[in-house]
Protein backbone atom coordinates (compact mmCIF):
# COMPACT_ATOMS: atom_id res chain seq x y z
CA MET A 1 29.73 31.25 14.09
CA GLU A 2 30.98 28.56 12.27
CA SER A 3 33.27 29.11 9.05
CA SER A 4 33.22 25.53 7.99
CA ALA A 5 30.84 24.98 4.69
CA TYR A 6 29.06 28.39 5.21
CA GLY A 7 31.99 30.83 4.98
CA ASN A 8 31.78 33.41 7.59
CA LYS A 9 27.89 33.48 7.84
CA GLU A 10 26.35 31.80 10.92
CA ARG A 11 24.97 28.32 10.39
CA PRO A 12 21.37 28.18 9.69
CA CYS A 13 19.48 27.25 13.09
CA CYS A 14 16.18 25.95 11.35
CA SER A 15 17.89 22.38 11.04
CA THR A 16 19.25 21.90 14.58
CA LYS A 17 16.00 23.64 15.98
CA PHE A 18 13.88 21.34 14.20
CA SER A 19 15.92 18.15 14.80
CA GLY A 20 15.95 19.23 18.54
CA LEU A 21 12.09 19.48 18.62
CA ARG A 22 11.59 16.29 16.91
CA ASP A 23 13.92 14.73 19.12
CA ARG A 24 12.21 16.01 22.15
CA ASP A 25 8.59 15.03 20.63
CA GLU A 26 10.07 11.81 20.00
CA LYS A 27 11.34 11.25 23.78
CA GLN A 28 8.01 12.52 24.96
CA THR A 29 6.02 10.18 22.92
CA ASN A 30 8.39 7.33 23.94
CA ASN A 31 7.79 8.21 27.38
CA MET A 32 4.23 8.39 27.11
CA LEU A 33 3.84 4.99 25.29
CA PHE A 34 6.03 3.64 28.03
CA PHE A 35 4.00 4.84 30.99
CA LYS A 36 0.86 4.04 28.93
CA SER A 37 1.97 0.34 28.44
CA ASN A 38 3.35 0.28 31.99
CA PHE A 39 0.03 1.56 33.35
CA GLN A 40 -1.77 -0.82 31.34
CA GLU A 41 0.09 -3.58 32.47
CA LYS A 42 -0.06 -2.68 36.17
CA ARG A 43 -3.98 -2.58 35.76
CA ARG A 44 -4.09 -5.84 34.16
CA ASN A 45 -2.05 -7.46 36.60
CA ASN A 46 -4.28 -5.83 39.41
CA SER A 47 -7.26 -7.18 37.74
CA LEU A 48 -5.76 -10.82 37.65
CA TRP A 49 -4.53 -10.39 41.04
CA LYS A 50 -8.03 -9.20 42.31
CA ARG A 51 -9.36 -12.09 40.39
CA GLU A 52 -7.39 -14.62 42.16
CA LYS A 53 -7.93 -13.21 45.34
CA ARG A 54 -11.47 -13.31 44.94
CA LYS A 55 -11.19 -17.04 44.04
CA GLU A 56 -9.15 -17.73 47.00
CA THR A 57 -11.63 -16.13 49.39
CA LEU A 58 -14.46 -17.88 47.76
CA GLU A 59 -12.67 -21.24 48.08
CA GLU A 60 -12.08 -20.24 51.85
CA HIS A 61 -15.73 -19.40 52.44
CA ARG A 62 -16.73 -22.48 50.66
CA LYS A 63 -14.34 -24.58 52.94
CA GLU A 64 -15.80 -22.81 56.11
CA GLN A 65 -19.33 -23.36 54.99
CA TYR A 66 -18.65 -26.87 54.46
CA PHE A 67 -16.93 -27.66 57.72
CA LEU A 68 -19.69 -25.85 59.44
CA PHE A 69 -22.27 -27.87 57.54
CA LEU A 70 -20.36 -30.99 58.56
CA THR A 71 -19.96 -29.93 62.19
CA GLU A 72 -23.76 -29.23 62.41
CA GLY A 73 -24.50 -32.87 61.99
CA ASP A 74 -26.39 -32.55 58.63
CA PHE A 75 -23.94 -34.35 56.77
CA LEU A 76 -26.34 -37.49 57.22
CA ASP A 77 -28.82 -35.87 55.08
CA LYS A 78 -28.11 -36.86 51.52
CA ASN A 79 -30.39 -34.34 50.03
CA THR A 80 -28.30 -31.52 51.26
CA SER A 81 -24.90 -32.80 50.75
CA ALA A 82 -25.69 -33.71 47.27
CA GLY A 83 -24.92 -30.21 45.93
CA LEU A 84 -21.64 -30.20 47.41
């Protein structure tokens, strides 16, 4: 019971009740937006990491193939080495 502006009557609960709900909904919305953006950023970083890893793996594979190619003695054949 508050006796300030309302006299001896109880303060109306609807203003605090709805503001509390609005604050809670706002917090939930902010949390959802944060987690959604955080998830999207992680997924983007993960896909970029996978892409870089794939490039590195392809480069390593090409180097290995080129090394095997050179060690087999086929590097004298100009037709096969022209594509490298």
